[in-house]
Amino acid sequence: MTARDPARSRFIAIQAIRWSGLALVLIGLLAIYRRIDVPIEAGYVLFVVGVLDALIMPTVLTKLWKSRGQ
């Protein structure tokens, strides 16, 4: 058996965060444009959290992982 590559696991984690952020953005937009029955305020919150999740969190995780030296 081969050892698990930490770089591969981190890459998968970052991609999962990006895709989940995109899903939150889309759900937020659907709520904002009243395509789903969710309050508009919740749509704006989901949109902002999704954008932050997709654009900011991968960078934060990368810096965190580099600072640990792993």
N, C-alpha and C. Protein backbone atom coordinates (compact mmCIF):
# COMPACT_ATOMS: atom_id res chain seq x y z
N MET A 1 0.83 -1.18 0.00
CA MET A 1 0.00 0.00 0.00
C MET A 1 0.88 1.26 0.00
N THR A 2 0.39 2.26 -0.64
CA THR A 2 1.13 3.51 -0.67
C THR A 2 0.59 4.46 0.39
N ALA A 3 1.44 5.35 0.84
CA ALA A 3 1.04 6.33 1.85
C ALA A 3 0.17 7.41 1.20
N ARG A 4 -0.74 7.96 2.00
CA ARG A 4 -1.58 9.05 1.49
C ARG A 4 -0.75 10.30 1.30
N ASP A 5 -0.96 10.93 0.18
CA ASP A 5 -0.25 12.16 -0.13
C ASP A 5 -1.02 13.33 0.46
N PRO A 6 -0.41 14.10 1.39
CA PRO A 6 -1.13 15.22 2.00
C PRO A 6 -1.47 16.31 0.98
N ALA A 7 -0.66 16.47 -0.05
CA ALA A 7 -0.95 17.49 -1.05
C ALA A 7 -2.24 17.15 -1.81
N ARG A 8 -2.44 15.88 -2.08
CA ARG A 8 -3.67 15.47 -2.78
C ARG A 8 -4.89 15.72 -1.92
N SER A 9 -4.79 15.41 -0.63
CA SER A 9 -5.90 15.63 0.29
C SER A 9 -6.22 17.12 0.41
N ARG A 10 -5.20 17.92 0.47
CA ARG A 10 -5.42 19.38 0.56
C ARG A 10 -6.02 19.93 -0.71
N PHE A 11 -5.57 19.44 -1.85
CA PHE A 11 -6.14 19.87 -3.12
C PHE A 11 -7.63 19.54 -3.18
N ILE A 12 -7.99 18.33 -2.77
CA ILE A 12 -9.39 17.93 -2.78
C ILE A 12 -10.20 18.80 -1.82
N ALA A 13 -9.65 19.11 -0.65
CA ALA A 13 -10.34 19.96 0.32
C ALA A 13 -10.58 21.35 -0.24
N ILE A 14 -9.57 21.92 -0.89
CA ILE A 14 -9.72 23.26 -1.46
C ILE A 14 -10.77 23.26 -2.58
N GLN A 15 -10.75 22.25 -3.42
CA GLN A 15 -11.75 22.17 -4.49
C GLN A 15 -13.16 21.99 -3.93
N ALA A 16 -13.30 21.21 -2.87
CA ALA A 16 -14.61 21.02 -2.25
C ALA A 16 -15.13 22.34 -1.67
N ILE A 17 -14.24 23.12 -1.09
CA ILE A 17 -14.65 24.41 -0.54
C ILE A 17 -15.07 25.35 -1.66
N ARG A 18 -14.33 25.36 -2.75
CA ARG A 18 -14.70 26.22 -3.89
C ARG A 18 -16.06 25.83 -4.47
N TRP A 19 -16.30 24.54 -4.65
CA TRP A 19 -17.58 24.08 -5.20
C TRP A 19 -18.73 24.34 -4.24
N SER A 20 -18.50 24.17 -2.95
CA SER A 20 -19.58 24.45 -2.00
C SER A 20 -19.89 25.95 -1.97
N GLY A 21 -18.86 26.77 -2.11
CA GLY A 21 -19.09 28.22 -2.20
C GLY A 21 -19.90 28.58 -3.42
N LEU A 22 -19.61 27.94 -4.54
CA LEU A 22 -20.38 28.18 -5.75
C LEU A 22 -21.84 27.77 -5.57
N ALA A 23 -22.05 26.64 -4.90
CA ALA A 23 -23.43 26.18 -4.64
C ALA A 23 -24.17 27.18 -3.76
N LEU A 24 -23.50 27.72 -2.75
CA LEU A 24 -24.13 28.72 -1.89
C LEU A 24 -24.47 29.99 -2.66
N VAL A 25 -23.59 30.40 -3.55
CA VAL A 25 -23.85 31.58 -4.37
C VAL A 25 -25.09 31.35 -5.24
N LEU A 26 -25.17 30.18 -5.86
CA LEU A 26 -26.33 29.90 -6.72
C LEU A 26 -27.62 29.83 -5.93
N ILE A 27 -27.60 29.21 -4.76
CA ILE A 27 -28.80 29.15 -3.93
C ILE A 27 -29.19 30.56 -3.47
N GLY A 28 -28.20 31.36 -3.12
CA GLY A 28 -28.46 32.75 -2.74
C GLY A 28 -29.09 33.55 -3.87
N LEU A 29 -28.58 33.37 -5.07
CA LEU A 29 -29.16 34.08 -6.22
C LEU A 29 -30.58 33.62 -6.51
N LEU A 30 -30.82 32.33 -6.36
CA LEU A 30 -32.18 31.82 -6.55
C LEU A 30 -33.13 32.44 -5.54
N ALA A 31 -32.68 32.61 -4.31
CA ALA A 31 -33.52 33.23 -3.29
C ALA A 31 -33.73 34.71 -3.56
N ILE A 32 -32.67 35.39 -3.99
CA ILE A 32 -32.77 36.82 -4.27
C ILE A 32 -33.76 37.08 -5.41
N TYR A 33 -33.72 36.26 -6.43
CA TYR A 33 -34.61 36.43 -7.58
C TYR A 33 -35.94 35.70 -7.41
N ARG A 34 -36.21 35.23 -6.18
CA ARG A 34 -37.49 34.64 -5.81
C ARG A 34 -37.83 33.39 -6.61
N ARG A 35 -36.84 32.61 -6.99
CA ARG A 35 -37.07 31.33 -7.67
C ARG A 35 -37.32 30.21 -6.68
N ILE A 36 -36.85 30.40 -5.43
CA ILE A 36 -37.15 29.45 -4.36
C ILE A 36 -37.77 30.23 -3.22
N ASP A 37 -38.52 29.53 -2.40
CA ASP A 37 -39.28 30.17 -1.32
C ASP A 37 -38.43 30.29 -0.06
N VAL A 38 -37.53 31.27 -0.10
CA VAL A 38 -36.65 31.58 1.02
C VAL A 38 -36.65 33.09 1.14
N PRO A 39 -36.59 33.64 2.36
CA PRO A 39 -36.54 35.10 2.50
C PRO A 39 -35.37 35.71 1.73
N ILE A 40 -35.60 36.87 1.19
CA ILE A 40 -34.57 37.55 0.39
C ILE A 40 -33.32 37.83 1.23
N GLU A 41 -33.52 38.16 2.50
CA GLU A 41 -32.38 38.43 3.38
C GLU A 41 -31.48 37.21 3.49
N ALA A 42 -32.10 36.04 3.60
CA ALA A 42 -31.31 34.81 3.65
C ALA A 42 -30.55 34.60 2.34
N GLY A 43 -31.17 34.99 1.23
CA GLY A 43 -30.49 34.89 -0.06
C GLY A 43 -29.25 35.74 -0.12
N TYR A 44 -29.33 36.97 0.41
CA TYR A 44 -28.16 37.83 0.42
C TYR A 44 -27.05 37.27 1.33
N VAL A 45 -27.45 36.72 2.47
CA VAL A 45 -26.47 36.13 3.37
C VAL A 45 -25.80 34.93 2.70
N LEU A 46 -26.59 34.07 2.08
CA LEU A 46 -26.01 32.90 1.39
C LEU A 46 -25.08 33.34 0.26
N PHE A 47 -25.47 34.37 -0.46
CA PHE A 47 -24.64 34.87 -1.55
C PHE A 47 -23.29 35.36 -1.04
N VAL A 48 -23.30 36.18 0.01
CA VAL A 48 -22.05 36.74 0.54
C VAL A 48 -21.17 35.64 1.13
N VAL A 49 -21.78 34.73 1.90
CA VAL A 49 -21.01 33.63 2.48
C VAL A 49 -20.42 32.75 1.38
N GLY A 50 -21.18 32.52 0.32
CA GLY A 50 -20.69 31.72 -0.80
C GLY A 50 -19.51 32.37 -1.50
N VAL A 51 -19.59 33.66 -1.72
CA VAL A 51 -18.48 34.37 -2.37
C VAL A 51 -17.23 34.31 -1.50
N LEU A 52 -17.39 34.56 -0.21
CA LEU A 52 -16.25 34.48 0.70
C LEU A 52 -15.68 33.06 0.75
N ASP A 53 -16.58 32.09 0.75
CA ASP A 53 -16.16 30.69 0.81
C ASP A 53 -15.40 30.30 -0.45
N ALA A 54 -15.84 30.74 -1.59
CA ALA A 54 -15.21 30.35 -2.86
C ALA A 54 -13.92 31.12 -3.15
N LEU A 55 -13.85 32.37 -2.72
CA LEU A 55 -12.70 33.19 -3.10
C LEU A 55 -11.67 33.39 -1.99
N ILE A 56 -12.10 33.44 -0.75
CA ILE A 56 -11.20 33.78 0.35
C ILE A 56 -10.69 32.54 1.08
N MET A 57 -11.55 31.59 1.36
CA MET A 57 -11.16 30.44 2.19
C MET A 57 -10.05 29.57 1.60
N PRO A 58 -10.00 29.34 0.28
CA PRO A 58 -8.85 28.56 -0.22
C PRO A 58 -7.51 29.23 0.07
N THR A 59 -7.46 30.55 -0.03
CA THR A 59 -6.23 31.28 0.27
C THR A 59 -5.90 31.18 1.76
N VAL A 60 -6.91 31.31 2.60
CA VAL A 60 -6.69 31.22 4.05
C VAL A 60 -6.16 29.83 4.40
N LEU A 61 -6.77 28.80 3.85
CA LEU A 61 -6.32 27.44 4.14
C LEU A 61 -4.89 27.21 3.64
N THR A 62 -4.57 27.71 2.47
CA THR A 62 -3.22 27.54 1.92
C THR A 62 -2.19 28.19 2.84
N LYS A 63 -2.47 29.42 3.28
CA LYS A 63 -1.54 30.10 4.19
C LYS A 63 -1.44 29.38 5.53
N LEU A 64 -2.56 28.86 6.01
CA LEU A 64 -2.55 28.12 7.27
C LEU A 64 -1.70 26.87 7.15
N TRP A 65 -1.85 26.14 6.07
CA TRP A 65 -1.09 24.92 5.88
C TRP A 65 0.40 25.21 5.68
N LYS A 66 0.72 26.31 5.01
CA LYS A 66 2.14 26.67 4.83
C LYS A 66 2.78 27.09 6.14
N SER A 67 2.03 27.77 6.99
CA SER A 67 2.60 28.26 8.26
C SER A 67 2.88 27.09 9.22
N ARG A 68 2.16 26.00 9.09
CA ARG A 68 2.40 24.84 9.94
C ARG A 68 3.60 24.04 9.46
N GLY A 69 4.00 24.24 8.22
CA GLY A 69 5.17 23.55 7.70
C GLY A 69 4.92 22.07 7.40
N GLN A 70 3.70 21.74 7.11
CA GLN A 70 3.38 20.32 6.85
C GLN A 70 3.36 20.04 5.40
